[in-house]
Amino acid sequence: MIWLWCNRVQGVQHTFGLLFRKNYASKKTLPVLTLFTKDPCPLCDEAKEVLKPLKNRFILQEVDITLPENSAWYDRYKFDIPVFHLNGQFLMMHKVNFSKLEKNLKKLEQQNN
């Protein structure tokens, strides 16, 4: 009886493992859009609103340049926020260039297919 129960548990675990791997493999990794910001930043808030139609095509990561660990970013961008990097590469500053972002997202999506 115990042997039968153990085999059933192993079968269920194997099935779930295959389903998990299939679902995980089918999902593409989204690019990371990094927003260099500070609090308060009305221009950054406005930029985030402009980004909403594309929000399912990237992961938004915010970096507060006023934190001590981000002092290098503060020195570099203190007069230019909002600043955006896409996958670690500079993309735009001061405001969202929607067409430029969409073009770069399409390029990354094509590379992942």
N, C-alpha and C. Protein backbone atom coordinates (compact mmCIF):
# COMPACT_ATOMS: atom_id res chain seq x y z
N MET A 1 0.82 -1.19 0.00
CA MET A 1 0.00 0.00 0.00
C MET A 1 0.87 1.26 0.00
N ILE A 2 1.90 1.26 0.85
CA ILE A 2 2.80 2.41 0.90
C ILE A 2 3.52 2.59 -0.42
N TRP A 3 3.92 1.48 -1.04
CA TRP A 3 4.62 1.53 -2.33
C TRP A 3 3.73 2.20 -3.38
N LEU A 4 2.43 1.83 -3.42
CA LEU A 4 1.49 2.40 -4.37
C LEU A 4 1.33 3.90 -4.15
N TRP A 5 1.21 4.31 -2.89
CA TRP A 5 1.07 5.73 -2.55
C TRP A 5 2.30 6.52 -2.98
N CYS A 6 3.49 5.97 -2.73
CA CYS A 6 4.74 6.65 -3.10
C CYS A 6 4.84 6.81 -4.62
N ASN A 7 4.45 5.78 -5.36
CA ASN A 7 4.49 5.87 -6.82
C ASN A 7 3.53 6.94 -7.35
N ARG A 8 2.36 7.05 -6.73
CA ARG A 8 1.40 8.08 -7.14
C ARG A 8 1.96 9.48 -6.86
N VAL A 9 2.56 9.67 -5.70
CA VAL A 9 3.14 10.96 -5.35
C VAL A 9 4.25 11.32 -6.33
N GLN A 10 5.10 10.34 -6.64
CA GLN A 10 6.18 10.60 -7.60
C GLN A 10 5.63 10.94 -8.98
N GLY A 11 4.56 10.27 -9.39
CA GLY A 11 3.94 10.56 -10.68
C GLY A 11 3.37 11.96 -10.73
N VAL A 12 2.72 12.38 -9.66
CA VAL A 12 2.16 13.73 -9.58
C VAL A 12 3.28 14.76 -9.60
N GLN A 13 4.34 14.51 -8.83
CA GLN A 13 5.48 15.43 -8.81
C GLN A 13 6.10 15.56 -10.20
N HIS A 14 6.23 14.43 -10.91
CA HIS A 14 6.81 14.45 -12.25
C HIS A 14 5.93 15.27 -13.20
N THR A 15 4.61 15.05 -13.13
CA THR A 15 3.68 15.78 -13.98
C THR A 15 3.75 17.28 -13.72
N PHE A 16 3.73 17.68 -12.44
CA PHE A 16 3.82 19.10 -12.11
C PHE A 16 5.15 19.68 -12.56
N GLY A 17 6.22 18.92 -12.42
CA GLY A 17 7.53 19.38 -12.86
C GLY A 17 7.56 19.66 -14.35
N LEU A 18 6.96 18.75 -15.15
CA LEU A 18 6.90 18.96 -16.60
C LEU A 18 6.06 20.18 -16.95
N LEU A 19 4.92 20.34 -16.28
CA LEU A 19 4.08 21.51 -16.54
C LEU A 19 4.80 22.80 -16.20
N PHE A 20 5.48 22.81 -15.05
CA PHE A 20 6.21 24.00 -14.63
C PHE A 20 7.29 24.36 -15.64
N ARG A 21 8.07 23.36 -16.06
CA ARG A 21 9.14 23.62 -17.01
C ARG A 21 8.60 24.12 -18.34
N LYS A 22 7.49 23.55 -18.80
CA LYS A 22 6.89 23.97 -20.06
C LYS A 22 6.40 25.42 -19.97
N ASN A 23 5.70 25.76 -18.89
CA ASN A 23 5.21 27.13 -18.73
C ASN A 23 6.36 28.11 -18.54
N TYR A 24 7.35 27.75 -17.78
CA TYR A 24 8.49 28.62 -17.52
C TYR A 24 9.27 28.87 -18.81
N ALA A 25 9.48 27.82 -19.59
CA ALA A 25 10.27 27.95 -20.81
C ALA A 25 9.53 28.78 -21.87
N SER A 26 8.19 28.74 -21.83
CA SER A 26 7.43 29.45 -22.84
C SER A 26 7.36 30.95 -22.57
N LYS A 27 7.67 31.36 -21.36
CA LYS A 27 7.61 32.78 -21.03
C LYS A 27 8.94 33.44 -21.35
N LYS A 28 8.86 34.54 -22.04
CA LYS A 28 10.06 35.28 -22.40
C LYS A 28 10.45 36.19 -21.23
N THR A 29 11.73 36.43 -21.14
CA THR A 29 12.22 37.36 -20.14
C THR A 29 11.98 38.77 -20.65
N LEU A 30 11.32 39.56 -19.85
CA LEU A 30 11.04 40.94 -20.24
C LEU A 30 12.27 41.81 -20.05
N PRO A 31 12.46 42.79 -20.93
CA PRO A 31 13.57 43.72 -20.74
C PRO A 31 13.34 44.59 -19.51
N VAL A 32 14.41 45.14 -18.97
CA VAL A 32 14.33 45.99 -17.78
C VAL A 32 14.50 47.44 -18.21
N LEU A 33 13.49 48.23 -17.89
CA LEU A 33 13.56 49.67 -18.11
C LEU A 33 13.85 50.31 -16.77
N THR A 34 15.02 50.91 -16.64
CA THR A 34 15.43 51.53 -15.38
C THR A 34 15.15 53.02 -15.44
N LEU A 35 14.44 53.49 -14.43
CA LEU A 35 14.12 54.91 -14.29
C LEU A 35 14.96 55.47 -13.16
N PHE A 36 15.84 56.40 -13.48
CA PHE A 36 16.62 57.10 -12.47
C PHE A 36 15.79 58.30 -12.03
N THR A 37 15.50 58.37 -10.73
CA THR A 37 14.54 59.32 -10.20
C THR A 37 14.96 59.79 -8.82
N LYS A 38 14.16 60.63 -8.22
CA LYS A 38 14.30 61.04 -6.83
C LYS A 38 12.91 61.42 -6.34
N ASP A 39 12.78 61.66 -5.06
CA ASP A 39 11.48 62.01 -4.49
C ASP A 39 11.56 63.40 -3.88
N PRO A 40 10.77 64.32 -4.28
CA PRO A 40 9.75 64.24 -5.32
C PRO A 40 10.34 64.48 -6.71
N CYS A 41 9.60 64.00 -7.71
CA CYS A 41 9.99 64.22 -9.10
C CYS A 41 8.73 64.22 -9.96
N PRO A 42 8.10 65.37 -10.10
CA PRO A 42 6.87 65.44 -10.90
C PRO A 42 7.07 65.00 -12.36
N LEU A 43 8.24 65.31 -12.93
CA LEU A 43 8.50 64.87 -14.30
C LEU A 43 8.58 63.35 -14.39
N CYS A 44 9.11 62.72 -13.34
CA CYS A 44 9.18 61.25 -13.31
C CYS A 44 7.78 60.66 -13.19
N ASP A 45 6.94 61.27 -12.37
CA ASP A 45 5.55 60.80 -12.23
C ASP A 45 4.82 60.90 -13.56
N GLU A 46 5.05 62.00 -14.25
CA GLU A 46 4.44 62.19 -15.58
C GLU A 46 4.95 61.14 -16.56
N ALA A 47 6.25 60.87 -16.51
CA ALA A 47 6.85 59.87 -17.41
C ALA A 47 6.25 58.49 -17.16
N LYS A 48 6.04 58.14 -15.89
CA LYS A 48 5.46 56.83 -15.57
C LYS A 48 4.04 56.71 -16.12
N GLU A 49 3.31 57.79 -16.14
CA GLU A 49 1.96 57.78 -16.74
C GLU A 49 2.04 57.53 -18.24
N VAL A 50 3.00 58.16 -18.90
CA VAL A 50 3.17 57.99 -20.34
C VAL A 50 3.54 56.54 -20.67
N LEU A 51 4.25 55.86 -19.76
CA LEU A 51 4.71 54.49 -19.98
C LEU A 51 3.61 53.44 -19.84
N LYS A 52 2.51 53.79 -19.21
CA LYS A 52 1.48 52.80 -18.88
C LYS A 52 1.00 51.95 -20.06
N PRO A 53 0.80 52.48 -21.26
CA PRO A 53 0.34 51.61 -22.35
C PRO A 53 1.33 50.49 -22.72
N LEU A 54 2.60 50.66 -22.37
CA LEU A 54 3.62 49.66 -22.70
C LEU A 54 4.03 48.82 -21.49
N LYS A 55 3.37 48.98 -20.36
CA LYS A 55 3.84 48.40 -19.10
C LYS A 55 3.97 46.88 -19.11
N ASN A 56 3.27 46.18 -19.99
CA ASN A 56 3.36 44.71 -20.04
C ASN A 56 4.54 44.23 -20.88
N ARG A 57 5.29 45.15 -21.45
CA ARG A 57 6.40 44.77 -22.33
C ARG A 57 7.77 44.97 -21.69
N PHE A 58 7.81 45.43 -20.42
CA PHE A 58 9.08 45.61 -19.73
C PHE A 58 8.85 45.54 -18.22
N ILE A 59 9.95 45.41 -17.51
CA ILE A 59 9.94 45.50 -16.05
C ILE A 59 10.50 46.86 -15.70
N LEU A 60 9.73 47.65 -14.96
CA LEU A 60 10.19 48.98 -14.56
C LEU A 60 10.94 48.88 -13.25
N GLN A 61 12.18 49.33 -13.27
CA GLN A 61 13.03 49.36 -12.08
C GLN A 61 13.34 50.82 -11.79
N GLU A 62 13.04 51.25 -10.58
CA GLU A 62 13.32 52.64 -10.22
C GLU A 62 14.56 52.72 -9.34
N VAL A 63 15.43 53.67 -9.64
CA VAL A 63 16.64 53.89 -8.86
C VAL A 63 16.56 55.31 -8.30
N ASP A 64 16.50 55.41 -6.98
CA ASP A 64 16.48 56.71 -6.31
C ASP A 64 17.92 57.21 -6.22
N ILE A 65 18.22 58.23 -6.98
CA ILE A 65 19.60 58.71 -7.06
C ILE A 65 20.04 59.45 -5.79
N THR A 66 19.11 59.75 -4.90
CA THR A 66 19.48 60.46 -3.66
C THR A 66 19.93 59.52 -2.55
N LEU A 67 19.79 58.22 -2.74
CA LEU A 67 20.27 57.27 -1.73
C LEU A 67 21.79 57.22 -1.75
N PRO A 68 22.42 57.06 -0.57
CA PRO A 68 23.89 57.07 -0.52
C PRO A 68 24.55 56.04 -1.45
N GLU A 69 23.95 54.88 -1.58
CA GLU A 69 24.55 53.84 -2.43
C GLU A 69 24.45 54.18 -3.93
N ASN A 70 23.66 55.20 -4.27
CA ASN A 70 23.52 55.61 -5.67
C ASN A 70 24.17 56.96 -5.96
N SER A 71 25.18 57.33 -5.17
CA SER A 71 25.80 58.64 -5.33
C SER A 71 26.44 58.84 -6.70
N ALA A 72 26.94 57.78 -7.30
CA ALA A 72 27.53 57.91 -8.64
C ALA A 72 26.46 58.30 -9.66
N TRP A 73 25.26 57.73 -9.52
CA TRP A 73 24.15 58.09 -10.40
C TRP A 73 23.70 59.53 -10.12
N TYR A 74 23.74 59.93 -8.87
CA TYR A 74 23.37 61.30 -8.52
C TYR A 74 24.32 62.29 -9.20
N ASP A 75 25.62 62.02 -9.09
CA ASP A 75 26.60 62.91 -9.72
C ASP A 75 26.40 63.00 -11.23
N ARG A 76 25.98 61.91 -11.81
CA ARG A 76 25.83 61.85 -13.27
C ARG A 76 24.51 62.46 -13.75
N TYR A 77 23.42 62.24 -13.00
CA TYR A 77 22.10 62.59 -13.51
C TYR A 77 21.32 63.61 -12.68
N LYS A 78 21.95 64.27 -11.73
CA LYS A 78 21.20 65.15 -10.82
C LYS A 78 20.43 66.26 -11.52
N PHE A 79 20.87 66.69 -12.68
CA PHE A 79 20.18 67.75 -13.40
C PHE A 79 19.37 67.25 -14.60
N ASP A 80 19.26 65.93 -14.76
CA ASP A 80 18.67 65.39 -15.97
C ASP A 80 17.49 64.44 -15.77
N ILE A 81 17.10 64.16 -14.54
CA ILE A 81 16.03 63.18 -14.35
C ILE A 81 14.71 63.71 -14.89
N PRO A 82 13.88 62.84 -15.39
CA PRO A 82 14.05 61.39 -15.44
C PRO A 82 15.03 60.95 -16.54
N VAL A 83 15.75 59.90 -16.21
CA VAL A 83 16.68 59.27 -17.16
C VAL A 83 16.28 57.80 -17.25
N PHE A 84 16.33 57.25 -18.45
CA PHE A 84 15.94 55.86 -18.67
C PHE A 84 17.08 55.07 -19.31
N HIS A 85 17.28 53.86 -18.79
CA HIS A 85 18.17 52.88 -19.40
C HIS A 85 17.31 51.68 -19.76
N LEU A 86 17.59 51.05 -20.87
CA LEU A 86 16.91 49.82 -21.26
C LEU A 86 17.94 48.71 -21.27
N ASN A 87 17.73 47.73 -20.42
CA ASN A 87 18.69 46.61 -20.25
C ASN A 87 20.11 47.12 -20.00
N GLY A 88 20.22 48.15 -19.17
CA GLY A 88 21.53 48.65 -18.76
C GLY A 88 22.16 49.66 -19.70
N GLN A 89 21.51 49.97 -20.82
CA GLN A 89 22.06 50.91 -21.79
C GLN A 89 21.23 52.19 -21.78
N PHE A 90 21.91 53.34 -21.80
CA PHE A 90 21.20 54.61 -21.84
C PHE A 90 20.22 54.63 -23.00
N LEU A 91 18.99 55.14 -22.73
CA LEU A 91 17.97 55.22 -23.76
C LEU A 91 17.49 56.65 -23.99
N MET A 92 17.14 57.36 -22.91
CA MET A 92 16.59 58.71 -23.07
C MET A 92 16.60 59.44 -21.74
N MET A 93 16.44 60.77 -21.80
CA MET A 93 16.36 61.57 -20.58
C MET A 93 15.39 62.72 -20.76
N HIS A 94 14.99 63.30 -19.65
CA HIS A 94 14.11 64.46 -19.53
C HIS A 94 12.64 64.15 -19.75
N LYS A 95 12.30 63.35 -20.74
CA LYS A 95 10.92 62.93 -20.97
C LYS A 95 10.93 61.63 -21.75
N VAL A 96 9.78 60.98 -21.79
CA VAL A 96 9.67 59.72 -22.52
C VAL A 96 9.52 59.99 -24.01
N ASN A 97 10.42 59.38 -24.77
CA ASN A 97 10.29 59.37 -26.23
C ASN A 97 9.61 58.04 -26.56
N PHE A 98 8.28 58.09 -26.66
CA PHE A 98 7.47 56.89 -26.79
C PHE A 98 7.87 56.07 -28.01
N SER A 99 8.05 56.70 -29.13
CA SER A 99 8.39 55.97 -30.35
C SER A 99 9.77 55.31 -30.25
N LYS A 100 10.72 55.99 -29.63
CA LYS A 100 12.06 55.42 -29.45
C LYS A 100 12.00 54.19 -28.55
N LEU A 101 11.24 54.31 -27.45
CA LEU A 101 11.09 53.17 -26.54
C LEU A 101 10.42 52.01 -27.25
N GLU A 102 9.34 52.26 -27.95
CA GLU A 102 8.63 51.19 -28.64
C GLU A 102 9.52 50.52 -29.69
N LYS A 103 10.28 51.31 -30.43
CA LYS A 103 11.19 50.77 -31.44
C LYS A 103 12.23 49.85 -30.79
N ASN A 104 12.80 50.28 -29.66
CA ASN A 104 13.81 49.47 -28.97
C ASN A 104 13.20 48.21 -28.36
N LEU A 105 11.98 48.31 -27.85
CA LEU A 105 11.30 47.13 -27.31
C LEU A 105 11.03 46.12 -28.42
N LYS A 106 10.59 46.59 -29.58
CA LYS A 106 10.34 45.69 -30.71
C LYS A 106 11.62 44.97 -31.13
N LYS A 107 12.71 45.72 -31.16
CA LYS A 107 14.00 45.13 -31.54
C LYS A 107 14.39 44.01 -30.56
N LEU A 108 14.22 44.26 -29.26
CA LEU A 108 14.54 43.23 -28.26
C LEU A 108 13.61 42.04 -28.37
N GLU A 109 12.34 42.29 -28.62
CA GLU A 109 11.38 41.19 -28.77
C GLU A 109 11.71 40.33 -29.96
N GLN A 110 12.14 40.93 -31.07
CA GLN A 110 12.52 40.17 -32.25
C GLN A 110 13.77 39.34 -32.00
N GLN A 111 14.69 39.87 -31.22
CA GLN A 111 15.90 39.13 -30.88
C GLN A 111 15.58 37.91 -30.02
N ASN A 112 14.55 38.00 -29.18
CA ASN A 112 14.17 36.90 -28.29
C ASN A 112 13.35 35.83 -28.98
N ASN A 113 12.85 36.08 -30.18
CA ASN A 113 12.04 35.08 -30.90
C ASN A 113 12.88 34.16 -31.71
